[in-house]
Amino acid sequence: MKQIPLPSLLALMIAFLGLIGMDSQSQAARLSKTASVPKAGKIIRDCKSCPEMVVIASGSFGMGSPDAEEGRGDDEGPVHDVRVAAFALGKTEVTRRQFAEFAKESGYITGDKCWTLEKGSYAERKGNWREPGFPQNDRHPVTCISWNDADAYAKWLSNKTGKIYRLPTEAEWEYAARGNTETSRYWGDKPDKACRYANGADNTAQARISGARSWSIHHCTDGFAYTSPVGHFRPNRFGLYDMLGNVWEWTEDNYHDSYNGAPVVSAAWQGDGTKRVLRGGSWNNPPLDLRSAVRFGNRPDVRFSSFGFRVARSLK
């Protein structure tokens, strides 16, 4: 057998060891990449006063409502499959305490006009998140918030923590709200079970709010005429609270009047910027508006005493 010269043998050994090293490095890179995405359900908190964030696993779902769903709006279809990348979403809506810290540290001023409810009807009056027209405490969701206000908070939180905070895309929001359910609400199809899971128009609101006698309500009693403290009701399967009811929540997307041409991934759907999408219904909304597929648009500078938000956080 022909003998391999010593220099050639050394070269082969070095090359072999190099390949092993390269393979180990590749495996380490793959493991590092996998490990960088936290486990679904993990709670993240990037500072003492930051919102608690729940890690939402990647997946896919049918976005929108089927034709037969009671209360379905024309803008809720067609149902289309969407692939959602892993992200984190606020466990609750942003609270007055959290927004107050932002306003104090940044000097941000929201303005002094808000559409508030009086004698059963909305009108634009003097008011803001500190004075929404009904009593609140620091555990309640901040309201009288415009899209611009919510976006400013998310950018401030990003600068504060060095992480990427933002408003959730509309697809992310619905995927998270549904929590692997296909029913009209994350607790099922029966609206009158809402008082275990959500704060909407109900017997309490009808009894305590002037002008609410004519409202369509959930036939149950949740104990809150206006907003409730965040996290008071039962969470959905992803561990998220108040995804329906309490306050409407701003999303990143521009409003479109149907899903024709909508993205098949969870990126925000852009447009002319005249309207942004709100999701989830609020404390004064009837059963038809407290559904996972409900959506509507409003100007990014408009504030209502039923408008609030929660933040999302990118994981990469």
C-alpha atoms as a PDB file:
ATOM      1  CA  MET A   1       0.000   0.000   0.000  1.00  0.00           C
ATOM      2  CA  LYS A   2       1.290   3.403  -0.957  1.00  0.00           C
ATOM      3  CA  GLN A   3       2.376   5.421   2.083  1.00  0.00           C
ATOM      4  CA  ILE A   4       0.923   8.906   2.477  1.00  0.00           C
ATOM      5  CA  PRO A   5       3.672  11.470   3.004  1.00  0.00           C
ATOM      6  CA  LEU A   6       3.714  13.044   6.482  1.00  0.00           C
ATOM      7  CA  PRO A   7       2.913  16.607   5.282  1.00  0.00           C
ATOM      8  CA  SER A   8      -0.116  15.334   3.320  1.00  0.00           C
ATOM      9  CA  LEU A   9      -1.347  13.343   6.362  1.00  0.00           C
ATOM     10  CA  LEU A  10      -1.074  16.422   8.570  1.00  0.00           C
ATOM     11  CA  ALA A  11      -3.033  18.450   6.010  1.00  0.00           C
ATOM     12  CA  LEU A  12      -5.818  15.864   5.937  1.00  0.00           C
ATOM     13  CA  MET A  13      -6.039  15.834   9.736  1.00  0.00           C
ATOM     14  CA  ILE A  14      -6.183  19.619   9.914  1.00  0.00           C
ATOM     15  CA  ALA A  15      -8.895  19.740   7.234  1.00  0.00           C
ATOM     16  CA  PHE A  16     -10.896  17.038   9.070  1.00  0.00           C
ATOM     17  CA  LEU A  17     -10.655  18.898  12.377  1.00  0.00           C
ATOM     18  CA  GLY A  18     -11.661  22.096  10.600  1.00  0.00           C
ATOM     19  CA  LEU A  19     -14.809  20.431   9.252  1.00  0.00           C
ATOM     20  CA  ILE A  20     -15.685  19.199  12.733  1.00  0.00           C
ATOM     21  CA  GLY A  21     -15.208  22.717  14.061  1.00  0.00           C
ATOM     22  CA  MET A  22     -17.337  24.199  11.314  1.00  0.00           C
ATOM     23  CA  ASP A  23     -20.094  21.664  11.989  1.00  0.00           C
ATOM     24  CA  SER A  24     -19.963  22.411  15.724  1.00  0.00           C
ATOM     25  CA  GLN A  25     -20.159  26.120  15.035  1.00  0.00           C
ATOM     26  CA  SER A  26     -23.151  25.586  12.730  1.00  0.00           C
ATOM     27  CA  GLN A  27     -24.918  23.492  15.352  1.00  0.00           C
ATOM     28  CA  ALA A  28     -24.177  26.105  18.007  1.00  0.00           C
ATOM     29  CA  ALA A  29     -25.549  28.837  15.751  1.00  0.00           C
ATOM     30  CA  ARG A  30     -28.712  26.842  15.135  1.00  0.00           C
ATOM     31  CA  LEU A  31     -29.147  26.143  18.848  1.00  0.00           C
ATOM     32  CA  SER A  32     -28.499  29.776  19.681  1.00  0.00           C
ATOM     33  CA  LYS A  33     -31.108  30.887  17.159  1.00  0.00           C
ATOM     34  CA  THR A  34     -33.662  28.428  18.573  1.00  0.00           C
ATOM     35  CA  ALA A  35     -32.882  29.401  22.144  1.00  0.00           C
ATOM     36  CA  SER A  36     -33.310  33.107  21.318  1.00  0.00           C
ATOM     37  CA  VAL A  37     -37.079  32.661  20.926  1.00  0.00           C
ATOM     38  CA  PRO A  38     -38.586  32.240  24.418  1.00  0.00           C
ATOM     39  CA  LYS A  39     -41.021  29.429  25.115  1.00  0.00           C
ATOM     40  CA  ALA A  40     -44.700  30.125  24.387  1.00  0.00           C
ATOM     41  CA  GLY A  41     -46.500  31.392  27.476  1.00  0.00           C
ATOM     42  CA  LYS A  42     -43.347  32.789  29.060  1.00  0.00           C
ATOM     43  CA  ILE A  43     -43.848  36.163  30.756  1.00  0.00           C
ATOM     44  CA  ILE A  44     -41.353  38.876  29.795  1.00  0.00           C
ATOM     45  CA  ARG A  45     -40.916  42.135  31.683  1.00  0.00           C
ATOM     46  CA  ASP A  46     -38.126  44.415  30.517  1.00  0.00           C
ATOM     47  CA  CYS A  47     -38.267  46.922  33.371  1.00  0.00           C
ATOM     48  CA  LYS A  48     -39.966  47.215  36.757  1.00  0.00           C
ATOM     49  CA  SER A  49     -42.832  49.354  35.454  1.00  0.00           C
ATOM     50  CA  CYS A  50     -43.012  47.851  31.950  1.00  0.00           C
ATOM     51  CA  PRO A  51     -46.085  45.891  30.851  1.00  0.00           C
ATOM     52  CA  GLU A  52     -45.931  42.148  31.370  1.00  0.00           C
ATOM     53  CA  MET A  53     -45.646  40.499  27.959  1.00  0.00           C
ATOM     54  CA  VAL A  54     -46.800  36.991  27.067  1.00  0.00           C
ATOM     55  CA  VAL A  55     -44.841  35.066  24.423  1.00  0.00           C
ATOM     56  CA  ILE A  56     -47.175  33.919  21.642  1.00  0.00           C
ATOM     57  CA  ALA A  57     -45.997  30.948  19.565  1.00  0.00           C
ATOM     58  CA  SER A  58     -45.911  31.067  15.782  1.00  0.00           C
ATOM     59  CA  GLY A  59     -48.779  29.422  13.926  1.00  0.00           C
ATOM     60  CA  SER A  60     -51.527  29.962  11.395  1.00  0.00           C
ATOM     61  CA  PHE A  61     -55.262  30.638  11.594  1.00  0.00           C
ATOM     62  CA  GLY A  62     -58.300  31.606   9.575  1.00  0.00           C
ATOM     63  CA  MET A  63     -58.637  35.376   9.987  1.00  0.00           C
ATOM     64  CA  GLY A  64     -62.112  36.892   9.788  1.00  0.00           C
ATOM     65  CA  SER A  65     -65.616  35.539  10.405  1.00  0.00           C
ATOM     66  CA  PRO A  66     -67.634  33.011   8.408  1.00  0.00           C
ATOM     67  CA  ASP A  67     -70.738  34.171   6.559  1.00  0.00           C
ATOM     68  CA  ALA A  68     -73.031  32.453   9.074  1.00  0.00           C
ATOM     69  CA  GLU A  69     -71.619  34.157  12.189  1.00  0.00           C
ATOM     70  CA  GLU A  70     -74.259  36.243  13.954  1.00  0.00           C
ATOM     71  CA  GLY A  71     -73.485  39.954  13.783  1.00  0.00           C
ATOM     72  CA  ARG A  72     -70.878  39.551  11.060  1.00  0.00           C
ATOM     73  CA  GLY A  73     -69.842  42.763   9.306  1.00  0.00           C
ATOM     74  CA  ASP A  74     -68.924  43.025   5.631  1.00  0.00           C
ATOM     75  CA  ASP A  75     -65.395  44.056   6.574  1.00  0.00           C
ATOM     76  CA  GLU A  76     -64.775  40.761   8.407  1.00  0.00           C
ATOM     77  CA  GLY A  77     -64.276  38.704   5.266  1.00  0.00           C
ATOM     78  CA  PRO A  78     -63.347  36.851   3.296  1.00  0.00           C
ATOM     79  CA  VAL A  79     -61.852  34.431   5.813  1.00  0.00           C
ATOM     80  CA  HIS A  80     -58.236  33.882   4.818  1.00  0.00           C
ATOM     81  CA  ASP A  81     -55.322  31.853   6.183  1.00  0.00           C
ATOM     82  CA  VAL A  82     -52.563  33.887   7.833  1.00  0.00           C
ATOM     83  CA  ARG A  83     -49.146  32.718   9.023  1.00  0.00           C
ATOM     84  CA  VAL A  84     -48.100  34.394  12.260  1.00  0.00           C
ATOM     85  CA  ALA A  85     -44.498  34.653  13.458  1.00  0.00           C
ATOM     86  CA  ALA A  86     -43.764  34.346  17.184  1.00  0.00           C
ATOM     87  CA  PHE A  87     -44.090  37.611  19.110  1.00  0.00           C
ATOM     88  CA  ALA A  88     -45.001  38.865  22.580  1.00  0.00           C
ATOM     89  CA  LEU A  89     -48.204  40.701  23.490  1.00  0.00           C
ATOM     90  CA  GLY A  90     -49.211  42.639  26.558  1.00  0.00           C
ATOM     91  CA  LYS A  91     -50.826  40.399  29.163  1.00  0.00           C
ATOM     92  CA  THR A  92     -53.248  43.257  29.792  1.00  0.00           C
ATOM     93  CA  GLU A  93     -54.095  46.602  28.289  1.00  0.00           C
ATOM     94  CA  VAL A  94     -51.755  49.485  29.157  1.00  0.00           C
ATOM     95  CA  THR A  95     -52.858  50.979  32.471  1.00  0.00           C
ATOM     96  CA  ARG A  96     -53.233  54.534  33.673  1.00  0.00           C
ATOM     97  CA  ARG A  97     -50.212  54.046  35.936  1.00  0.00           C
ATOM     98  CA  GLN A  98     -48.029  52.934  33.044  1.00  0.00           C
ATOM     99  CA  PHE A  99     -49.192  55.727  30.763  1.00  0.00           C
ATOM    100  CA  ALA A 100     -48.713  58.297  33.554  1.00  0.00           C
ATOM    101  CA  GLU A 101     -45.069  57.248  33.904  1.00  0.00           C
ATOM    102  CA  PHE A 102     -44.596  57.720  30.159  1.00  0.00           C
ATOM    103  CA  ALA A 103     -46.229  61.163  30.239  1.00  0.00           C
ATOM    104  CA  LYS A 104     -44.085  62.245  33.200  1.00  0.00           C
ATOM    105  CA  GLU A 105     -40.755  60.963  31.871  1.00  0.00           C
ATOM    106  CA  SER A 106     -41.241  62.087  28.275  1.00  0.00           C
ATOM    107  CA  GLY A 107     -43.281  65.253  28.802  1.00  0.00           C
ATOM    108  CA  TYR A 108     -45.817  63.956  26.287  1.00  0.00           C
ATOM    109  CA  ILE A 109     -49.160  65.809  26.157  1.00  0.00           C
ATOM    110  CA  THR A 110     -52.167  64.108  24.584  1.00  0.00           C
ATOM    111  CA  GLY A 111     -54.435  67.144  24.232  1.00  0.00           C
ATOM    112  CA  ASP A 112     -57.593  68.101  26.107  1.00  0.00           C
ATOM    113  CA  LYS A 113     -60.404  66.898  23.829  1.00  0.00           C
ATOM    114  CA  CYS A 114     -62.030  63.477  24.027  1.00  0.00           C
ATOM    115  CA  TRP A 115     -65.333  61.997  22.858  1.00  0.00           C
ATOM    116  CA  THR A 116     -67.046  61.093  26.121  1.00  0.00           C
ATOM    117  CA  LEU A 117     -70.403  59.590  26.996  1.00  0.00           C
ATOM    118  CA  GLU A 118     -73.079  61.727  28.611  1.00  0.00           C
ATOM    119  CA  LYS A 119     -76.751  60.821  28.956  1.00  0.00           C
ATOM    120  CA  GLY A 120     -76.302  57.904  26.602  1.00  0.00           C
ATOM    121  CA  SER A 121     -74.630  59.727  23.712  1.00  0.00           C
ATOM    122  CA  TYR A 122     -71.077  60.590  22.716  1.00  0.00           C
ATOM    123  CA  ALA A 123     -69.845  64.123  22.055  1.00  0.00           C
ATOM    124  CA  GLU A 124     -66.402  65.694  21.886  1.00  0.00           C
ATOM    125  CA  ARG A 125     -65.855  67.486  25.175  1.00  0.00           C
ATOM    126  CA  LYS A 126     -63.031  68.809  27.315  1.00  0.00           C
ATOM    127  CA  GLY A 127     -61.217  65.823  28.785  1.00  0.00           C
ATOM    128  CA  ASN A 128     -58.275  63.467  28.375  1.00  0.00           C
ATOM    129  CA  TRP A 129     -56.864  60.240  29.794  1.00  0.00           C
ATOM    130  CA  ARG A 130     -56.814  61.824  33.250  1.00  0.00           C
ATOM    131  CA  GLU A 131     -60.474  62.876  32.970  1.00  0.00           C
ATOM    132  CA  PRO A 132     -62.361  60.415  30.736  1.00  0.00           C
ATOM    133  CA  GLY A 133     -65.787  61.280  32.173  1.00  0.00           C
ATOM    134  CA  PHE A 134     -65.977  58.475  34.741  1.00  0.00           C
ATOM    135  CA  PRO A 135     -63.922  57.397  37.787  1.00  0.00           C
ATOM    136  CA  GLN A 136     -60.841  55.215  37.368  1.00  0.00           C
ATOM    137  CA  ASN A 137     -57.781  54.191  39.363  1.00  0.00           C
ATOM    138  CA  ASP A 138     -54.244  53.315  38.326  1.00  0.00           C
ATOM    139  CA  ARG A 139     -55.163  49.670  37.642  1.00  0.00           C
ATOM    140  CA  HIS A 140     -57.747  50.598  35.016  1.00  0.00           C
ATOM    141  CA  PRO A 141     -56.843  50.700  31.322  1.00  0.00           C
ATOM    142  CA  VAL A 142     -55.831  54.122  30.103  1.00  0.00           C
ATOM    143  CA  THR A 143     -58.473  55.534  27.782  1.00  0.00           C
ATOM    144  CA  CYS A 144     -59.140  58.675  25.725  1.00  0.00           C
ATOM    145  CA  ILE A 145     -56.108  57.506  23.743  1.00  0.00           C
ATOM    146  CA  SER A 146     -55.527  58.159  20.041  1.00  0.00           C
ATOM    147  CA  TRP A 147     -53.457  55.971  17.726  1.00  0.00           C
ATOM    148  CA  ASN A 148     -50.794  58.681  17.766  1.00  0.00           C
ATOM    149  CA  ASP A 149     -50.685  58.552  21.584  1.00  0.00           C
ATOM    150  CA  ALA A 150     -50.404  54.758  21.613  1.00  0.00           C
ATOM    151  CA  ASP A 151     -47.651  54.810  18.981  1.00  0.00           C
ATOM    152  CA  ALA A 152     -45.722  57.431  20.979  1.00  0.00           C
ATOM    153  CA  TYR A 153     -45.888  55.231  24.096  1.00  0.00           C
ATOM    154  CA  ALA A 154     -44.574  52.208  22.186  1.00  0.00           C
ATOM    155  CA  LYS A 155     -41.651  54.206  20.777  1.00  0.00           C
ATOM    156  CA  TRP A 156     -40.818  55.574  24.227  1.00  0.00           C
ATOM    157  CA  LEU A 157     -40.861  52.050  25.676  1.00  0.00           C
ATOM    158  CA  SER A 158     -38.526  50.899  22.905  1.00  0.00           C
ATOM    159  CA  ASN A 159     -36.051  53.671  23.727  1.00  0.00           C
ATOM    160  CA  LYS A 160     -36.346  52.943  27.448  1.00  0.00           C
ATOM    161  CA  THR A 161     -35.699  49.199  27.191  1.00  0.00           C
ATOM    162  CA  GLY A 162     -33.671  48.789  24.007  1.00  0.00           C
ATOM    163  CA  LYS A 163     -36.252  46.261  22.767  1.00  0.00           C
ATOM    164  CA  ILE A 164     -38.647  46.634  19.830  1.00  0.00           C
ATOM    165  CA  TYR A 165     -42.058  47.614  21.181  1.00  0.00           C
ATOM    166  CA  ARG A 166     -44.895  48.539  18.845  1.00  0.00           C
ATOM    167  CA  LEU A 167     -48.606  48.205  18.357  1.00  0.00           C
ATOM    168  CA  PRO A 168     -49.701  44.700  17.358  1.00  0.00           C
ATOM    169  CA  THR A 169     -50.613  44.104  13.762  1.00  0.00           C
ATOM    170  CA  GLU A 170     -54.258  43.333  13.168  1.00  0.00           C
ATOM    171  CA  ALA A 171     -53.447  39.714  12.295  1.00  0.00           C
ATOM    172  CA  GLU A 172     -51.362  39.285  15.453  1.00  0.00           C
ATOM    173  CA  TRP A 173     -54.162  40.784  17.510  1.00  0.00           C
ATOM    174  CA  GLU A 174     -56.872  38.443  16.193  1.00  0.00           C
ATOM    175  CA  TYR A 175     -54.610  35.377  16.372  1.00  0.00           C
ATOM    176  CA  ALA A 176     -53.854  36.194  20.024  1.00  0.00           C
ATOM    177  CA  ALA A 177     -57.457  37.064  20.875  1.00  0.00           C
ATOM    178  CA  ARG A 178     -58.784  33.795  19.496  1.00  0.00           C
ATOM    179  CA  GLY A 179     -56.270  31.713  21.431  1.00  0.00           C
ATOM    180  CA  ASN A 180     -56.632  28.691  19.146  1.00  0.00           C
ATOM    181  CA  THR A 181     -60.430  28.904  19.049  1.00  0.00           C
ATOM    182  CA  GLU A 182     -62.704  29.217  16.018  1.00  0.00           C
ATOM    183  CA  THR A 183     -65.832  30.345  17.855  1.00  0.00           C
ATOM    184  CA  SER A 184     -67.107  33.903  17.671  1.00  0.00           C
ATOM    185  CA  ARG A 185     -65.628  34.657  21.104  1.00  0.00           C
ATOM    186  CA  TYR A 186     -62.753  32.997  22.912  1.00  0.00           C
ATOM    187  CA  TRP A 187     -65.184  31.587  25.494  1.00  0.00           C
ATOM    188  CA  GLY A 188     -67.582  30.225  22.853  1.00  0.00           C
ATOM    189  CA  ASP A 189     -70.571  31.464  20.855  1.00  0.00           C
ATOM    190  CA  LYS A 190     -72.917  32.401  23.709  1.00  0.00           C
ATOM    191  CA  PRO A 191     -72.686  36.155  24.404  1.00  0.00           C
ATOM    192  CA  ASP A 192     -74.353  36.011  27.812  1.00  0.00           C
ATOM    193  CA  LYS A 193     -71.352  34.143  29.260  1.00  0.00           C
ATOM    194  CA  ALA A 194     -69.346  37.334  28.716  1.00  0.00           C
ATOM    195  CA  CYS A 195     -69.416  38.495  32.331  1.00  0.00           C
ATOM    196  CA  ARG A 196     -66.949  35.768  33.310  1.00  0.00           C
ATOM    197  CA  TYR A 197     -64.470  36.870  30.659  1.00  0.00           C
ATOM    198  CA  ALA A 198     -65.097  40.452  29.553  1.00  0.00           C
ATOM    199  CA  ASN A 199     -66.417  43.865  30.517  1.00  0.00           C
ATOM    200  CA  GLY A 200     -69.077  44.921  28.028  1.00  0.00           C
ATOM    201  CA  ALA A 201     -72.521  46.486  28.074  1.00  0.00           C
ATOM    202  CA  ASP A 202     -74.515  44.485  30.626  1.00  0.00           C
ATOM    203  CA  ASN A 203     -77.066  44.747  33.443  1.00  0.00           C
ATOM    204  CA  THR A 204     -74.655  46.878  35.497  1.00  0.00           C
ATOM    205  CA  ALA A 205     -74.163  49.441  32.737  1.00  0.00           C
ATOM    206  CA  GLN A 206     -77.887  49.587  32.028  1.00  0.00           C
ATOM    207  CA  ALA A 207     -78.667  50.212  35.700  1.00  0.00           C
ATOM    208  CA  ARG A 208     -75.972  52.827  36.379  1.00  0.00           C
ATOM    209  CA  ILE A 209     -75.387  54.774  33.162  1.00  0.00           C
ATOM    210  CA  SER A 210     -77.830  57.495  32.219  1.00  0.00           C
ATOM    211  CA  GLY A 211     -79.326  56.785  28.802  1.00  0.00           C
ATOM    212  CA  ALA A 212     -78.292  53.121  28.755  1.00  0.00           C
ATOM    213  CA  ARG A 213     -81.808  51.737  29.116  1.00  0.00           C
ATOM    214  CA  SER A 214     -82.092  51.448  25.344  1.00  0.00           C
ATOM    215  CA  TRP A 215     -78.757  49.672  24.913  1.00  0.00           C
ATOM    216  CA  SER A 216     -78.471  46.145  23.606  1.00  0.00           C
ATOM    217  CA  ILE A 217     -76.694  44.312  26.416  1.00  0.00           C
ATOM    218  CA  HIS A 218     -75.223  41.033  27.550  1.00  0.00           C
ATOM    219  CA  HIS A 219     -77.813  39.537  29.893  1.00  0.00           C
ATOM    220  CA  CYS A 220     -75.439  39.082  32.799  1.00  0.00           C
ATOM    221  CA  THR A 221     -73.869  41.247  35.497  1.00  0.00           C
ATOM    222  CA  ASP A 222     -70.148  42.038  35.564  1.00  0.00           C
ATOM    223  CA  GLY A 223     -70.271  44.704  38.293  1.00  0.00           C
ATOM    224  CA  PHE A 224     -68.669  47.497  36.240  1.00  0.00           C
ATOM    225  CA  ALA A 225     -70.597  50.282  34.524  1.00  0.00           C
ATOM    226  CA  TYR A 226     -67.477  51.734  32.895  1.00  0.00           C
ATOM    227  CA  THR A 227     -63.923  50.308  32.713  1.00  0.00           C
ATOM    228  CA  SER A 228     -62.757  47.571  35.071  1.00  0.00           C
ATOM    229  CA  PRO A 229     -59.271  46.997  36.493  1.00  0.00           C
ATOM    230  CA  VAL A 230     -57.149  45.100  33.970  1.00  0.00           C
ATOM    231  CA  GLY A 231     -56.909  41.363  34.556  1.00  0.00           C
ATOM    232  CA  HIS A 232     -60.112  41.188  36.584  1.00  0.00           C
ATOM    233  CA  PHE A 233     -61.856  38.635  34.358  1.00  0.00           C
ATOM    234  CA  ARG A 234     -60.788  35.195  33.169  1.00  0.00           C
ATOM    235  CA  PRO A 235     -58.018  35.092  30.524  1.00  0.00           C
ATOM    236  CA  ASN A 236     -58.197  33.365  27.167  1.00  0.00           C
ATOM    237  CA  ARG A 237     -56.206  30.205  26.413  1.00  0.00           C
ATOM    238  CA  PHE A 238     -53.039  32.204  25.725  1.00  0.00           C
ATOM    239  CA  GLY A 239     -53.170  33.814  29.178  1.00  0.00           C
ATOM    240  CA  LEU A 240     -54.256  37.211  27.847  1.00  0.00           C
ATOM    241  CA  TYR A 241     -56.824  39.329  29.673  1.00  0.00           C
ATOM    242  CA  ASP A 242     -59.542  41.630  28.320  1.00  0.00           C
ATOM    243  CA  MET A 243     -58.937  40.838  24.678  1.00  0.00           C
ATOM    244  CA  LEU A 244     -62.648  41.526  24.296  1.00  0.00           C
ATOM    245  CA  GLY A 245     -64.323  44.383  26.148  1.00  0.00           C
ATOM    246  CA  ASN A 246     -63.008  47.040  28.549  1.00  0.00           C
ATOM    247  CA  VAL A 247     -61.494  49.312  25.849  1.00  0.00           C
ATOM    248  CA  TRP A 248     -61.114  49.151  22.077  1.00  0.00           C
ATOM    249  CA  GLU A 249     -57.475  48.496  21.214  1.00  0.00           C
ATOM    250  CA  TRP A 250     -55.522  50.251  18.476  1.00  0.00           C
ATOM    251  CA  THR A 251     -53.501  48.129  16.039  1.00  0.00           C
ATOM    252  CA  GLU A 252     -50.739  49.024  13.624  1.00  0.00           C
ATOM    253  CA  ASP A 253     -52.737  48.458  10.427  1.00  0.00           C
ATOM    254  CA  ASN A 254     -54.481  50.901   8.161  1.00  0.00           C
ATOM    255  CA  TYR A 255     -58.184  50.175   7.796  1.00  0.00           C
ATOM    256  CA  HIS A 256     -59.497  48.406   4.678  1.00  0.00           C
ATOM    257  CA  ASP A 257     -63.194  47.684   4.204  1.00  0.00           C
ATOM    258  CA  SER A 258     -62.616  43.982   3.438  1.00  0.00           C
ATOM    259  CA  TYR A 259     -59.852  41.396   3.452  1.00  0.00           C
ATOM    260  CA  ASN A 260     -59.579  41.251  -0.321  1.00  0.00           C
ATOM    261  CA  GLY A 261     -55.867  41.493  -1.039  1.00  0.00           C
ATOM    262  CA  ALA A 262     -54.906  41.174   2.649  1.00  0.00           C
ATOM    263  CA  PRO A 263     -51.441  39.838   3.550  1.00  0.00           C
ATOM    264  CA  VAL A 264     -51.088  36.106   4.193  1.00  0.00           C
ATOM    265  CA  VAL A 265     -48.441  36.798   6.844  1.00  0.00           C
ATOM    266  CA  SER A 266     -48.809  38.757  10.064  1.00  0.00           C
ATOM    267  CA  ALA A 267     -47.205  41.973   8.841  1.00  0.00           C
ATOM    268  CA  ALA A 268     -49.198  45.203   9.140  1.00  0.00           C
ATOM    269  CA  TRP A 269     -51.374  46.006   6.124  1.00  0.00           C
ATOM    270  CA  GLN A 270     -50.493  49.525   5.081  1.00  0.00           C
ATOM    271  CA  GLY A 271     -52.658  52.054   3.240  1.00  0.00           C
ATOM    272  CA  ASP A 272     -53.244  55.784   2.945  1.00  0.00           C
ATOM    273  CA  GLY A 273     -53.067  56.344   6.719  1.00  0.00           C
ATOM    274  CA  THR A 274     -56.460  58.062   7.015  1.00  0.00           C
ATOM    275  CA  LYS A 275     -57.789  55.383   9.383  1.00  0.00           C
ATOM    276  CA  ARG A 276     -56.218  52.863  11.740  1.00  0.00           C
ATOM    277  CA  VAL A 277     -57.857  49.651  12.932  1.00  0.00           C
ATOM    278  CA  LEU A 278     -59.355  49.145  16.396  1.00  0.00           C
ATOM    279  CA  ARG A 279     -60.264  45.730  17.761  1.00  0.00           C
ATOM    280  CA  GLY A 280     -62.076  44.027  20.632  1.00  0.00           C
ATOM    281  CA  GLY A 281     -65.009  46.206  21.713  1.00  0.00           C
ATOM    282  CA  SER A 282     -65.324  48.089  24.990  1.00  0.00           C
ATOM    283  CA  TRP A 283     -67.241  48.582  28.240  1.00  0.00           C
ATOM    284  CA  ASN A 284     -70.262  50.076  26.446  1.00  0.00           C
ATOM    285  CA  ASN A 285     -70.488  47.737  23.469  1.00  0.00           C
ATOM    286  CA  PRO A 286     -73.290  45.209  22.824  1.00  0.00           C
ATOM    287  CA  PRO A 287     -72.825  41.472  22.191  1.00  0.00           C
ATOM    288  CA  LEU A 288     -72.404  41.855  18.428  1.00  0.00           C
ATOM    289  CA  ASP A 289     -69.315  44.013  19.001  1.00  0.00           C
ATOM    290  CA  LEU A 290     -67.626  41.704  21.496  1.00  0.00           C
ATOM    291  CA  ARG A 291     -66.469  39.100  18.991  1.00  0.00           C
ATOM    292  CA  SER A 292     -62.956  38.091  17.969  1.00  0.00           C
ATOM    293  CA  ALA A 293     -63.449  39.181  14.342  1.00  0.00           C
ATOM    294  CA  VAL A 294     -64.992  42.624  14.964  1.00  0.00           C
ATOM    295  CA  ARG A 295     -63.033  45.538  13.516  1.00  0.00           C
ATOM    296  CA  PHE A 296     -63.474  49.156  12.583  1.00  0.00           C
ATOM    297  CA  GLY A 297     -61.338  52.136  11.652  1.00  0.00           C
ATOM    298  CA  ASN A 298     -60.943  55.674  12.922  1.00  0.00           C
ATOM    299  CA  ARG A 299     -58.604  58.609  12.378  1.00  0.00           C
ATOM    300  CA  PRO A 300     -55.256  58.281  14.187  1.00  0.00           C
ATOM    301  CA  ASP A 301     -55.791  61.576  16.023  1.00  0.00           C
ATOM    302  CA  VAL A 302     -59.259  60.773  17.428  1.00  0.00           C
ATOM    303  CA  ARG A 303     -59.786  60.015  21.131  1.00  0.00           C
ATOM    304  CA  PHE A 304     -62.787  58.289  22.701  1.00  0.00           C
ATOM    305  CA  SER A 305     -63.319  57.335  26.327  1.00  0.00           C
ATOM    306  CA  SER A 306     -63.602  53.750  25.082  1.00  0.00           C
ATOM    307  CA  PHE A 307     -60.283  53.755  23.148  1.00  0.00           C
ATOM    308  CA  GLY A 308     -57.120  52.293  24.687  1.00  0.00           C
ATOM    309  CA  PHE A 309     -54.378  49.875  23.624  1.00  0.00           C
ATOM    310  CA  ARG A 310     -51.919  47.151  24.489  1.00  0.00           C
ATOM    311  CA  VAL A 311     -48.405  46.789  23.108  1.00  0.00           C
ATOM    312  CA  ALA A 312     -46.606  44.051  21.212  1.00  0.00           C
ATOM    313  CA  ARG A 313     -42.900  43.239  21.313  1.00  0.00           C
ATOM    314  CA  SER A 314     -40.796  41.714  18.580  1.00  0.00           C
ATOM    315  CA  LEU A 315     -38.699  38.718  19.658  1.00  0.00           C
ATOM    316  CA  LYS A 316     -35.867  39.053  17.119  1.00  0.00           C
END
